[in-house]
C-alpha atoms as a PDB file:
ATOM      1  CA  MET A   1       6.551 -47.690  13.097  1.00  0.00           C
ATOM      2  CA  ILE A   2       3.563 -48.166  10.759  1.00  0.00           C
ATOM      3  CA  ASN A   3       2.076 -44.833  11.826  1.00  0.00           C
ATOM      4  CA  ASN A   4       5.412 -43.103  11.265  1.00  0.00           C
ATOM      5  CA  ILE A   5       5.609 -44.502   7.737  1.00  0.00           C
ATOM      6  CA  LYS A   6       2.019 -43.480   6.993  1.00  0.00           C
ATOM      7  CA  ASN A   7       2.586 -39.972   8.350  1.00  0.00           C
ATOM      8  CA  SER A   8       5.723 -39.618   6.284  1.00  0.00           C
ATOM      9  CA  LEU A   9       3.923 -40.789   3.147  1.00  0.00           C
ATOM     10  CA  ALA A  10       1.117 -38.253   3.742  1.00  0.00           C
ATOM     11  CA  TYR A  11       3.655 -35.469   3.337  1.00  0.00           C
ATOM     12  CA  ARG A  12       5.836 -37.059   0.648  1.00  0.00           C
ATOM     13  CA  ILE A  13       3.327 -38.518  -1.808  1.00  0.00           C
ATOM     14  CA  PRO A  14       1.753 -35.129  -2.707  1.00  0.00           C
ATOM     15  CA  ILE A  15       5.177 -34.054  -3.998  1.00  0.00           C
ATOM     16  CA  ILE A  16       4.978 -36.945  -6.461  1.00  0.00           C
ATOM     17  CA  TYR A  17       1.426 -35.927  -7.410  1.00  0.00           C
ATOM     18  CA  GLN A  18       2.607 -32.361  -8.004  1.00  0.00           C
ATOM     19  CA  PHE A  19       5.348 -33.649 -10.290  1.00  0.00           C
ATOM     20  CA  LEU A  20       2.987 -35.924 -12.230  1.00  0.00           C
ATOM     21  CA  LEU A  21       0.439 -33.139 -12.719  1.00  0.00           C
ATOM     22  CA  LYS A  22       2.989 -31.260 -14.830  1.00  0.00           C
ATOM     23  CA  PHE A  23       2.581 -33.902 -17.540  1.00  0.00           C
ATOM     24  CA  ARG A  24      -1.193 -34.104 -17.469  1.00  0.00           C
ATOM     25  CA  PRO A  25      -2.955 -32.053 -20.193  1.00  0.00           C
ATOM     26  CA  TYR A  26      -5.536 -29.521 -19.044  1.00  0.00           C
ATOM     27  CA  LYS A  27      -8.771 -30.911 -20.437  1.00  0.00           C
ATOM     28  CA  THR A  28     -11.712 -28.546 -20.052  1.00  0.00           C
ATOM     29  CA  ARG A  29     -15.254 -28.413 -21.362  1.00  0.00           C
ATOM     30  CA  TYR A  30     -17.119 -25.477 -22.851  1.00  0.00           C
ATOM     31  CA  SER A  31     -19.508 -23.774 -20.449  1.00  0.00           C
ATOM     32  CA  GLU A  32     -21.863 -20.874 -21.026  1.00  0.00           C
ATOM     33  CA  PRO A  33     -20.446 -17.609 -19.661  1.00  0.00           C
ATOM     34  CA  SER A  34     -21.963 -15.932 -16.621  1.00  0.00           C
ATOM     35  CA  GLU A  35     -21.984 -12.298 -15.538  1.00  0.00           C
ATOM     36  CA  ASN A  36     -20.226 -13.163 -12.280  1.00  0.00           C
ATOM     37  CA  VAL A  37     -16.650 -11.985 -11.810  1.00  0.00           C
ATOM     38  CA  ILE A  38     -13.870 -13.711  -9.907  1.00  0.00           C
ATOM     39  CA  VAL A  39     -10.570 -12.056  -9.004  1.00  0.00           C
ATOM     40  CA  MET A  40      -7.294 -13.831  -8.279  1.00  0.00           C
ATOM     41  CA  MET A  41      -3.644 -12.897  -7.876  1.00  0.00           C
ATOM     42  CA  THR A  42      -0.710 -14.998  -8.970  1.00  0.00           C
ATOM     43  CA  GLY A  43       3.044 -14.986  -9.186  1.00  0.00           C
ATOM     44  CA  LYS A  44       5.956 -17.242  -9.930  1.00  0.00           C
ATOM     45  CA  ALA A  45       5.433 -19.172  -6.687  1.00  0.00           C
ATOM     46  CA  HIS A  46       1.673 -19.665  -7.124  1.00  0.00           C
ATOM     47  CA  ILE A  47       0.968 -19.965 -10.835  1.00  0.00           C
ATOM     48  CA  ASN A  48       0.760 -23.774 -10.723  1.00  0.00           C
ATOM     49  CA  MET A  49      -1.840 -23.659  -7.947  1.00  0.00           C
ATOM     50  CA  VAL A  50      -3.834 -20.997  -9.763  1.00  0.00           C
ATOM     51  CA  CYS A  51      -3.897 -23.151 -12.897  1.00  0.00           C
ATOM     52  CA  ILE A  52      -5.224 -26.144 -10.958  1.00  0.00           C
ATOM     53  CA  CYS A  53      -7.800 -24.028  -9.107  1.00  0.00           C
ATOM     54  CA  LEU A  54      -9.097 -22.588 -12.375  1.00  0.00           C
ATOM     55  CA  LEU A  55      -9.109 -26.019 -13.965  1.00  0.00           C
ATOM     56  CA  THR A  56     -11.480 -27.254 -11.238  1.00  0.00           C
ATOM     57  CA  ILE A  57     -13.683 -24.198 -11.776  1.00  0.00           C
ATOM     58  CA  SER A  58     -13.822 -24.841 -15.521  1.00  0.00           C
ATOM     59  CA  LYS A  59     -14.779 -28.467 -14.903  1.00  0.00           C
ATOM     60  CA  LYS A  60     -17.170 -28.142 -11.975  1.00  0.00           C
ATOM     61  CA  TRP A  61     -18.965 -24.788 -12.294  1.00  0.00           C
ATOM     62  CA  SER A  62     -22.087 -24.838 -14.450  1.00  0.00           C
ATOM     63  CA  ARG A  63     -21.166 -21.528 -16.100  1.00  0.00           C
ATOM     64  CA  LEU A  64     -17.828 -19.800 -16.495  1.00  0.00           C
ATOM     65  CA  PRO A  65     -17.421 -16.468 -14.679  1.00  0.00           C
ATOM     66  CA  ALA A  66     -15.320 -13.664 -16.049  1.00  0.00           C
ATOM     67  CA  LEU A  67     -11.779 -13.857 -14.656  1.00  0.00           C
ATOM     68  CA  ILE A  68      -9.617 -10.961 -13.540  1.00  0.00           C
ATOM     69  CA  ILE A  69      -6.142 -12.283 -12.840  1.00  0.00           C
ATOM     70  CA  ILE A  70      -3.515 -10.016 -11.309  1.00  0.00           C
ATOM     71  CA  SER A  71       0.259 -10.461 -11.360  1.00  0.00           C
ATOM     72  CA  ASP A  72       2.012  -9.859  -8.035  1.00  0.00           C
ATOM     73  CA  GLY A  73       5.015  -8.554  -9.978  1.00  0.00           C
ATOM     74  CA  THR A  74       7.045 -11.776 -10.009  1.00  0.00           C
ATOM     75  CA  ILE A  75       5.615 -13.069 -13.287  1.00  0.00           C
ATOM     76  CA  SER A  76       4.865 -11.266 -16.534  1.00  0.00           C
ATOM     77  CA  GLU A  77       1.355 -10.837 -17.869  1.00  0.00           C
ATOM     78  CA  ASP A  78       2.412 -12.631 -21.053  1.00  0.00           C
ATOM     79  CA  LYS A  79       3.531 -15.694 -19.090  1.00  0.00           C
ATOM     80  CA  ILE A  80       0.249 -15.721 -17.185  1.00  0.00           C
ATOM     81  CA  ALA A  81      -1.679 -15.590 -20.455  1.00  0.00           C
ATOM     82  CA  LYS A  82       0.352 -18.484 -21.828  1.00  0.00           C
ATOM     83  CA  ARG A  83      -0.251 -20.634 -18.749  1.00  0.00           C
ATOM     84  CA  LEU A  84      -3.986 -19.859 -18.725  1.00  0.00           C
ATOM     85  CA  LYS A  85      -4.659 -20.419 -22.403  1.00  0.00           C
ATOM     86  CA  PHE A  86      -6.872 -23.368 -21.424  1.00  0.00           C
ATOM     87  CA  TRP A  87      -9.390 -20.964 -19.806  1.00  0.00           C
ATOM     88  CA  LYS A  88     -12.351 -20.696 -22.190  1.00  0.00           C
ATOM     89  CA  GLY A  89     -14.101 -17.812 -20.444  1.00  0.00           C
ATOM     90  CA  LYS A  90     -13.540 -14.090 -20.489  1.00  0.00           C
ATOM     91  CA  ILE A  91     -10.192 -13.149 -18.991  1.00  0.00           C
ATOM     92  CA  SER A  92      -8.436  -9.897 -18.103  1.00  0.00           C
ATOM     93  CA  ILE A  93      -4.807  -9.805 -16.933  1.00  0.00           C
ATOM     94  CA  ASP A  94      -3.270  -6.845 -15.092  1.00  0.00           C
ATOM     95  CA  ASN A  95      -0.469  -5.957 -12.698  1.00  0.00           C
ATOM     96  CA  TRP A  96      -1.013  -5.186  -9.000  1.00  0.00           C
ATOM     97  CA  GLU A  97       0.396  -1.692  -9.513  1.00  0.00           C
ATOM     98  CA  LYS A  98      -2.727  -0.720 -11.463  1.00  0.00           C
ATOM     99  CA  SER A  99      -4.841  -1.283  -8.336  1.00  0.00           C
ATOM    100  CA  CYS A 100      -2.278   0.493  -6.174  1.00  0.00           C
ATOM    101  CA  ASN A 101      -2.321   3.540  -8.437  1.00  0.00           C
ATOM    102  CA  TYR A 102      -6.131   3.475  -8.486  1.00  0.00           C
ATOM    103  CA  HIS A 103      -6.171   4.020  -4.726  1.00  0.00           C
ATOM    104  CA  LEU A 104      -3.334   6.542  -4.693  1.00  0.00           C
ATOM    105  CA  GLU A 105      -5.208   8.688  -7.210  1.00  0.00           C
ATOM    106  CA  ARG A 106      -8.050   8.823  -4.669  1.00  0.00           C
ATOM    107  CA  GLY A 107      -5.789   9.914  -1.829  1.00  0.00           C
ATOM    108  CA  ARG A 108      -5.641   6.495  -0.171  1.00  0.00           C
ATOM    109  CA  GLU A 109      -1.976   6.633   0.755  1.00  0.00           C
ATOM    110  CA  ALA A 110      -2.032   3.979   3.485  1.00  0.00           C
ATOM    111  CA  ILE A 111      -3.252   1.144   1.279  1.00  0.00           C
ATOM    112  CA  GLY A 112      -0.637   2.107  -1.284  1.00  0.00           C
ATOM    113  CA  GLN A 113       2.097   1.714   1.342  1.00  0.00           C
ATOM    114  CA  TYR A 114       0.619  -1.588   2.488  1.00  0.00           C
ATOM    115  CA  ALA A 115       0.466  -2.947  -1.065  1.00  0.00           C
ATOM    116  CA  LYS A 116       4.075  -2.013  -1.786  1.00  0.00           C
ATOM    117  CA  LEU A 117       5.365  -3.773   1.333  1.00  0.00           C
ATOM    118  CA  ASN A 118       3.131  -6.806   1.718  1.00  0.00           C
ATOM    119  CA  ALA A 119       1.425  -9.431  -0.483  1.00  0.00           C
ATOM    120  CA  PHE A 120      -1.729  -9.214   1.643  1.00  0.00           C
ATOM    121  CA  GLY A 121      -1.694  -5.461   1.062  1.00  0.00           C
ATOM    122  CA  LYS A 122      -1.734  -6.153  -2.664  1.00  0.00           C
ATOM    123  CA  LYS A 123      -4.689  -8.473  -2.136  1.00  0.00           C
ATOM    124  CA  LEU A 124      -6.624  -5.844  -0.163  1.00  0.00           C
ATOM    125  CA  ALA A 125      -5.902  -3.158  -2.769  1.00  0.00           C
ATOM    126  CA  ILE A 126      -6.947  -5.413  -5.656  1.00  0.00           C
ATOM    127  CA  ILE A 127     -10.233  -6.516  -4.100  1.00  0.00           C
ATOM    128  CA  LEU A 128     -11.312  -3.019  -3.053  1.00  0.00           C
ATOM    129  CA  HIS A 129     -10.332  -1.632  -6.453  1.00  0.00           C
ATOM    130  CA  HIS A 130     -12.506  -4.013  -8.447  1.00  0.00           C
ATOM    131  CA  ALA A 131     -15.322  -4.133  -5.889  1.00  0.00           C
ATOM    132  CA  GLU A 132     -15.959  -0.434  -6.492  1.00  0.00           C
ATOM    133  CA  SER A 133     -17.138  -1.084 -10.046  1.00  0.00           C
ATOM    134  CA  LYS A 134     -18.888  -4.455  -9.727  1.00  0.00           C
ATOM    135  CA  PRO A 135     -19.575  -7.302  -7.301  1.00  0.00           C
ATOM    136  CA  VAL A 136     -16.587  -9.639  -7.214  1.00  0.00           C
ATOM    137  CA  VAL A 137     -15.553 -12.825  -5.479  1.00  0.00           C
ATOM    138  CA  TRP A 138     -11.895 -13.148  -4.613  1.00  0.00           C
ATOM    139  CA  ILE A 139     -10.504 -16.694  -4.606  1.00  0.00           C
ATOM    140  CA  ASP A 140      -7.159 -17.637  -3.039  1.00  0.00           C
ATOM    141  CA  SER A 141      -4.926 -19.799  -5.204  1.00  0.00           C
ATOM    142  CA  ASP A 142      -4.975 -22.698  -2.697  1.00  0.00           C
ATOM    143  CA  ILE A 143      -8.662 -23.570  -3.196  1.00  0.00           C
ATOM    144  CA  LEU A 144     -10.070 -26.487  -5.182  1.00  0.00           C
ATOM    145  CA  PHE A 145     -13.688 -26.945  -6.244  1.00  0.00           C
ATOM    146  CA  PHE A 146     -15.405 -30.324  -6.161  1.00  0.00           C
ATOM    147  CA  ASN A 147     -18.874 -29.146  -7.230  1.00  0.00           C
ATOM    148  CA  ASP A 148     -20.701 -26.176  -8.752  1.00  0.00           C
ATOM    149  CA  PHE A 149     -20.246 -23.033  -6.662  1.00  0.00           C
ATOM    150  CA  LEU A 150     -22.590 -20.735  -8.603  1.00  0.00           C
ATOM    151  CA  PRO A 151     -25.733 -21.647  -6.565  1.00  0.00           C
ATOM    152  CA  PHE A 152     -23.917 -20.180  -3.565  1.00  0.00           C
ATOM    153  CA  TRP A 153     -22.988 -16.894  -5.237  1.00  0.00           C
ATOM    154  CA  PRO A 154     -24.671 -13.981  -3.388  1.00  0.00           C
ATOM    155  CA  LYS A 155     -27.748 -12.791  -5.270  1.00  0.00           C
ATOM    156  CA  ASP A 156     -29.751  -9.558  -5.418  1.00  0.00           C
ATOM    157  CA  ILE A 157     -27.402  -7.616  -3.134  1.00  0.00           C
ATOM    158  CA  GLU A 158     -27.451  -3.968  -4.141  1.00  0.00           C
ATOM    159  CA  GLU A 159     -25.917  -2.106  -1.220  1.00  0.00           C
ATOM    160  CA  THR A 160     -22.290  -1.851  -0.143  1.00  0.00           C
ATOM    161  CA  SER A 161     -21.497  -5.277   1.204  1.00  0.00           C
ATOM    162  CA  CYS A 162     -18.832  -7.787   2.149  1.00  0.00           C
ATOM    163  CA  GLY A 163     -18.794 -11.425   3.222  1.00  0.00           C
ATOM    164  CA  GLY A 164     -16.488 -14.411   3.168  1.00  0.00           C
ATOM    165  CA  SER A 165     -15.728 -17.995   4.041  1.00  0.00           C
ATOM    166  CA  ALA A 166     -15.250 -19.775   7.360  1.00  0.00           C
ATOM    167  CA  ASP A 167     -12.014 -20.638   9.141  1.00  0.00           C
ATOM    168  CA  TRP A 168     -11.256 -23.614  11.365  1.00  0.00           C
ATOM    169  CA  LYS A 169     -10.373 -21.171  14.139  1.00  0.00           C
ATOM    170  CA  ALA A 170     -10.581 -17.436  14.790  1.00  0.00           C
ATOM    171  CA  ALA A 171      -7.309 -15.700  13.856  1.00  0.00           C
ATOM    172  CA  TYR A 172      -6.899 -11.913  13.723  1.00  0.00           C
ATOM    173  CA  ASP A 173      -4.456  -9.044  14.142  1.00  0.00           C
ATOM    174  CA  GLU A 174      -4.887  -8.034  17.780  1.00  0.00           C
ATOM    175  CA  ARG A 175      -3.882  -4.414  17.107  1.00  0.00           C
ATOM    176  CA  LEU A 176      -6.672  -4.017  14.564  1.00  0.00           C
ATOM    177  CA  LEU A 177      -9.147  -5.664  16.903  1.00  0.00           C
ATOM    178  CA  SER A 178      -8.336  -2.876  19.360  1.00  0.00           C
ATOM    179  CA  PHE A 179      -8.530  -0.213  16.645  1.00  0.00           C
ATOM    180  CA  PHE A 180     -11.964  -1.317  15.513  1.00  0.00           C
ATOM    181  CA  GLY A 181     -13.120  -1.901  19.086  1.00  0.00           C
ATOM    182  CA  SER A 182     -14.223  -5.389  18.082  1.00  0.00           C
ATOM    183  CA  ASN A 183     -13.883  -8.874  19.504  1.00  0.00           C
ATOM    184  CA  LEU A 184     -13.660 -12.485  18.379  1.00  0.00           C
ATOM    185  CA  VAL A 185     -17.297 -13.156  19.199  1.00  0.00           C
ATOM    186  CA  LYS A 186     -18.394 -10.453  16.765  1.00  0.00           C
ATOM    187  CA  TYR A 187     -16.135 -11.705  13.981  1.00  0.00           C
ATOM    188  CA  GLY A 188     -16.582 -15.428  14.483  1.00  0.00           C
ATOM    189  CA  SER A 189     -14.167 -17.684  12.586  1.00  0.00           C
ATOM    190  CA  PHE A 190     -13.885 -15.626   9.403  1.00  0.00           C
ATOM    191  CA  ASN A 191     -11.433 -16.454   6.639  1.00  0.00           C
ATOM    192  CA  ALA A 192     -10.500 -14.219   3.713  1.00  0.00           C
ATOM    193  CA  GLY A 193      -9.630 -17.086   1.374  1.00  0.00           C
ATOM    194  CA  MET A 194     -12.870 -16.342  -0.442  1.00  0.00           C
ATOM    195  CA  VAL A 195     -14.333 -12.848  -0.192  1.00  0.00           C
ATOM    196  CA  TYR A 196     -17.409 -11.278  -1.758  1.00  0.00           C
ATOM    197  CA  ALA A 197     -17.196  -7.489  -1.946  1.00  0.00           C
ATOM    198  CA  HIS A 198     -19.046  -4.656  -3.621  1.00  0.00           C
ATOM    199  CA  GLY A 199     -19.431  -0.949  -2.936  1.00  0.00           C
ATOM    200  CA  LEU A 200     -17.924   2.447  -3.590  1.00  0.00           C
ATOM    201  CA  ASN A 201     -17.226   3.414  -0.025  1.00  0.00           C
ATOM    202  CA  LEU A 202     -15.974   0.316   1.777  1.00  0.00           C
ATOM    203  CA  TYR A 203     -12.551   1.920   2.256  1.00  0.00           C
ATOM    204  CA  GLU A 204     -13.885   5.125   3.773  1.00  0.00           C
ATOM    205  CA  LYS A 205     -16.834   3.549   5.600  1.00  0.00           C
ATOM    206  CA  TYR A 206     -14.549   1.320   7.650  1.00  0.00           C
ATOM    207  CA  ASN A 207     -11.755   3.866   8.200  1.00  0.00           C
ATOM    208  CA  ILE A 208      -9.211   1.620   6.533  1.00  0.00           C
ATOM    209  CA  GLU A 209      -6.820   4.527   5.933  1.00  0.00           C
ATOM    210  CA  PHE A 210      -6.588   5.189   9.662  1.00  0.00           C
ATOM    211  CA  ALA A 211      -6.490   1.485  10.543  1.00  0.00           C
ATOM    212  CA  LEU A 212      -3.518   0.851   8.269  1.00  0.00           C
ATOM    213  CA  ASN A 213      -1.694   3.947   9.479  1.00  0.00           C
ATOM    214  CA  ALA A 214      -2.092   2.659  13.033  1.00  0.00           C
ATOM    215  CA  ILE A 215      -0.038  -0.471  12.271  1.00  0.00           C
ATOM    216  CA  HIS A 216       2.316   0.803   9.534  1.00  0.00           C
ATOM    217  CA  PRO A 217       4.849  -0.579   8.690  1.00  0.00           C
ATOM    218  CA  ASN A 218       4.551  -3.647  10.939  1.00  0.00           C
ATOM    219  CA  TYR A 219       1.769  -5.476   9.119  1.00  0.00           C
ATOM    220  CA  ASP A 220       0.758  -8.854  10.465  1.00  0.00           C
ATOM    221  CA  PHE A 221      -0.082 -11.734   8.106  1.00  0.00           C
ATOM    222  CA  LEU A 222      -3.595 -11.496   9.581  1.00  0.00           C
ATOM    223  CA  SER A 223      -4.039  -7.735   9.087  1.00  0.00           C
ATOM    224  CA  GLU A 224      -5.878  -7.983   5.768  1.00  0.00           C
ATOM    225  CA  GLN A 225      -8.092 -10.790   7.067  1.00  0.00           C
ATOM    226  CA  THR A 226      -8.998  -8.713  10.120  1.00  0.00           C
ATOM    227  CA  ILE A 227     -10.040  -5.783   7.938  1.00  0.00           C
ATOM    228  CA  PHE A 228     -12.299  -7.986   5.832  1.00  0.00           C
ATOM    229  CA  ALA A 229     -13.701  -9.580   8.995  1.00  0.00           C
ATOM    230  CA  GLU A 230     -14.578  -6.114  10.307  1.00  0.00           C
ATOM    231  CA  MET A 231     -16.375  -5.245   7.082  1.00  0.00           C
ATOM    232  CA  ALA A 232     -18.166  -8.602   6.919  1.00  0.00           C
ATOM    233  CA  SER A 233     -19.247  -8.487  10.573  1.00  0.00           C
ATOM    234  CA  ASN A 234     -21.258  -5.372   9.772  1.00  0.00           C
ATOM    235  CA  SER A 235     -22.562  -6.759   6.493  1.00  0.00           C
ATOM    236  CA  LEU A 236     -23.023 -10.281   5.119  1.00  0.00           C
ATOM    237  CA  GLY A 237     -20.833 -12.133   7.623  1.00  0.00           C
ATOM    238  CA  ILE A 238     -19.757 -15.689   6.824  1.00  0.00           C
ATOM    239  CA  LEU A 239     -21.423 -16.544   3.523  1.00  0.00           C
ATOM    240  CA  TRP A 240     -19.862 -19.978   3.027  1.00  0.00           C
ATOM    241  CA  ASP A 241     -19.521 -22.172   6.084  1.00  0.00           C
ATOM    242  CA  GLN A 242     -17.517 -25.374   6.469  1.00  0.00           C
ATOM    243  CA  ASN A 243     -20.235 -27.383   4.731  1.00  0.00           C
ATOM    244  CA  ILE A 244     -19.695 -25.331   1.575  1.00  0.00           C
ATOM    245  CA  ILE A 245     -16.020 -24.339   1.528  1.00  0.00           C
ATOM    246  CA  GLY A 246     -14.143 -26.675   3.842  1.00  0.00           C
ATOM    247  CA  ASN A 247     -11.213 -25.321   5.844  1.00  0.00           C
ATOM    248  CA  PHE A 248      -9.996 -27.929   8.304  1.00  0.00           C
ATOM    249  CA  HIS A 249      -6.862 -29.885   9.187  1.00  0.00           C
ATOM    250  CA  GLU A 250      -8.087 -33.065  10.879  1.00  0.00           C
ATOM    251  CA  ASP A 251      -6.928 -35.175   7.911  1.00  0.00           C
ATOM    252  CA  ASN A 252      -3.504 -33.582   7.504  1.00  0.00           C
ATOM    253  CA  GLN A 253      -1.807 -37.005   7.541  1.00  0.00           C
ATOM    254  CA  SER A 254      -4.415 -38.849   5.491  1.00  0.00           C
ATOM    255  CA  LEU A 255      -3.572 -40.662   2.280  1.00  0.00           C
ATOM    256  CA  THR A 256      -7.138 -40.666   0.953  1.00  0.00           C
ATOM    257  CA  PRO A 257      -8.667 -37.778  -1.033  1.00  0.00           C
ATOM    258  CA  THR A 258     -11.129 -35.332   0.475  1.00  0.00           C
ATOM    259  CA  LYS A 259     -14.739 -36.473   0.131  1.00  0.00           C
ATOM    260  CA  LYS A 260     -16.381 -34.541  -2.679  1.00  0.00           C
ATOM    261  CA  LYS A 261     -19.586 -33.709  -0.832  1.00  0.00           C
ATOM    262  CA  LEU A 262     -18.151 -30.226  -0.224  1.00  0.00           C
ATOM    263  CA  ILE A 263     -18.412 -27.501  -2.860  1.00  0.00           C
ATOM    264  CA  GLY A 264     -14.741 -26.740  -2.389  1.00  0.00           C
ATOM    265  CA  ARG A 265     -11.859 -26.792   0.048  1.00  0.00           C
ATOM    266  CA  HIS A 266      -9.300 -24.230   1.175  1.00  0.00           C
ATOM    267  CA  TYR A 267      -5.867 -25.789   1.693  1.00  0.00           C
ATOM    268  CA  THR A 268      -4.210 -23.404   4.128  1.00  0.00           C
ATOM    269  CA  SER A 269      -0.534 -23.820   5.026  1.00  0.00           C
ATOM    270  CA  ASN A 270      -1.133 -26.537   7.614  1.00  0.00           C
ATOM    271  CA  VAL A 271      -2.648 -28.807   4.943  1.00  0.00           C
ATOM    272  CA  ARG A 272      -1.019 -27.366   1.821  1.00  0.00           C
ATOM    273  CA  HIS A 273       0.463 -30.742   0.880  1.00  0.00           C
ATOM    274  CA  LEU A 274      -3.071 -32.142   0.536  1.00  0.00           C
ATOM    275  CA  PHE A 275      -3.788 -29.662  -2.272  1.00  0.00           C
ATOM    276  CA  TRP A 276      -1.675 -31.721  -4.681  1.00  0.00           C
ATOM    277  CA  ARG A 277      -3.111 -35.010  -3.481  1.00  0.00           C
ATOM    278  CA  ASP A 278      -6.676 -33.871  -4.112  1.00  0.00           C
ATOM    279  CA  ALA A 279      -5.770 -32.058  -7.336  1.00  0.00           C
ATOM    280  CA  PHE A 280      -4.398 -35.305  -8.752  1.00  0.00           C
ATOM    281  CA  PHE A 281      -7.666 -37.150  -8.134  1.00  0.00           C
ATOM    282  CA  LEU A 282      -9.875 -34.232  -9.175  1.00  0.00           C
ATOM    283  CA  THR A 283      -8.288 -33.389 -12.504  1.00  0.00           C
END
């Protein structure tokens, strides 16, 4: 009976934390700007998580990166700007359609179809769009930072490149594994919650047009992750392992906050409720 009560509380208490966080003012400190660029996407369903994620960045990172924030179409750019007025760094707000049109103008029809039908397609289009002009790090909205991430930002990488974070298990779109002629051993446990990307020809170099056409219109929720894993496996691989960006579920029924020895943690769906628990104690 005691275990049942504890397990129930582990899932219910974060709802209370989420409610209480609405009334807590976003207190940030001024930090010197950096030349690094982070990219995120948000919408009506994720704007609260994005705000908390960015609040931890503003508090924990030694310097503030430039922020490119993209609307998924369910929230206006004006509303995003209003919610993120606490951000003291450089910020640019756009709509996902700008990235979609960028690719369509270059004859990349498949990624345009993917973006119009699937949120992960939007994510892929956005990252590859901005990576063509500058090195960027994509950050999923369900990530919190406990410490300064900037020492772990890739440095002095000039060539076309891609890398990402670690997953607690290998999970990929089997059809794309066959298309790329790859296997789980080659990819390892790659997660696209955080992705570093840069280069003009990532799309063409990895035959993404043909890969997406091979699975259109039945995209899997792992399709985008598999594409990034293919690129990373031939480039930078897993840049941030579990000791840097945690991604685990062993404590999914714990009432105590995550230990802050990590740089950050990715709260995937199996531990999403813990996001609000940790956010309450972090902010």
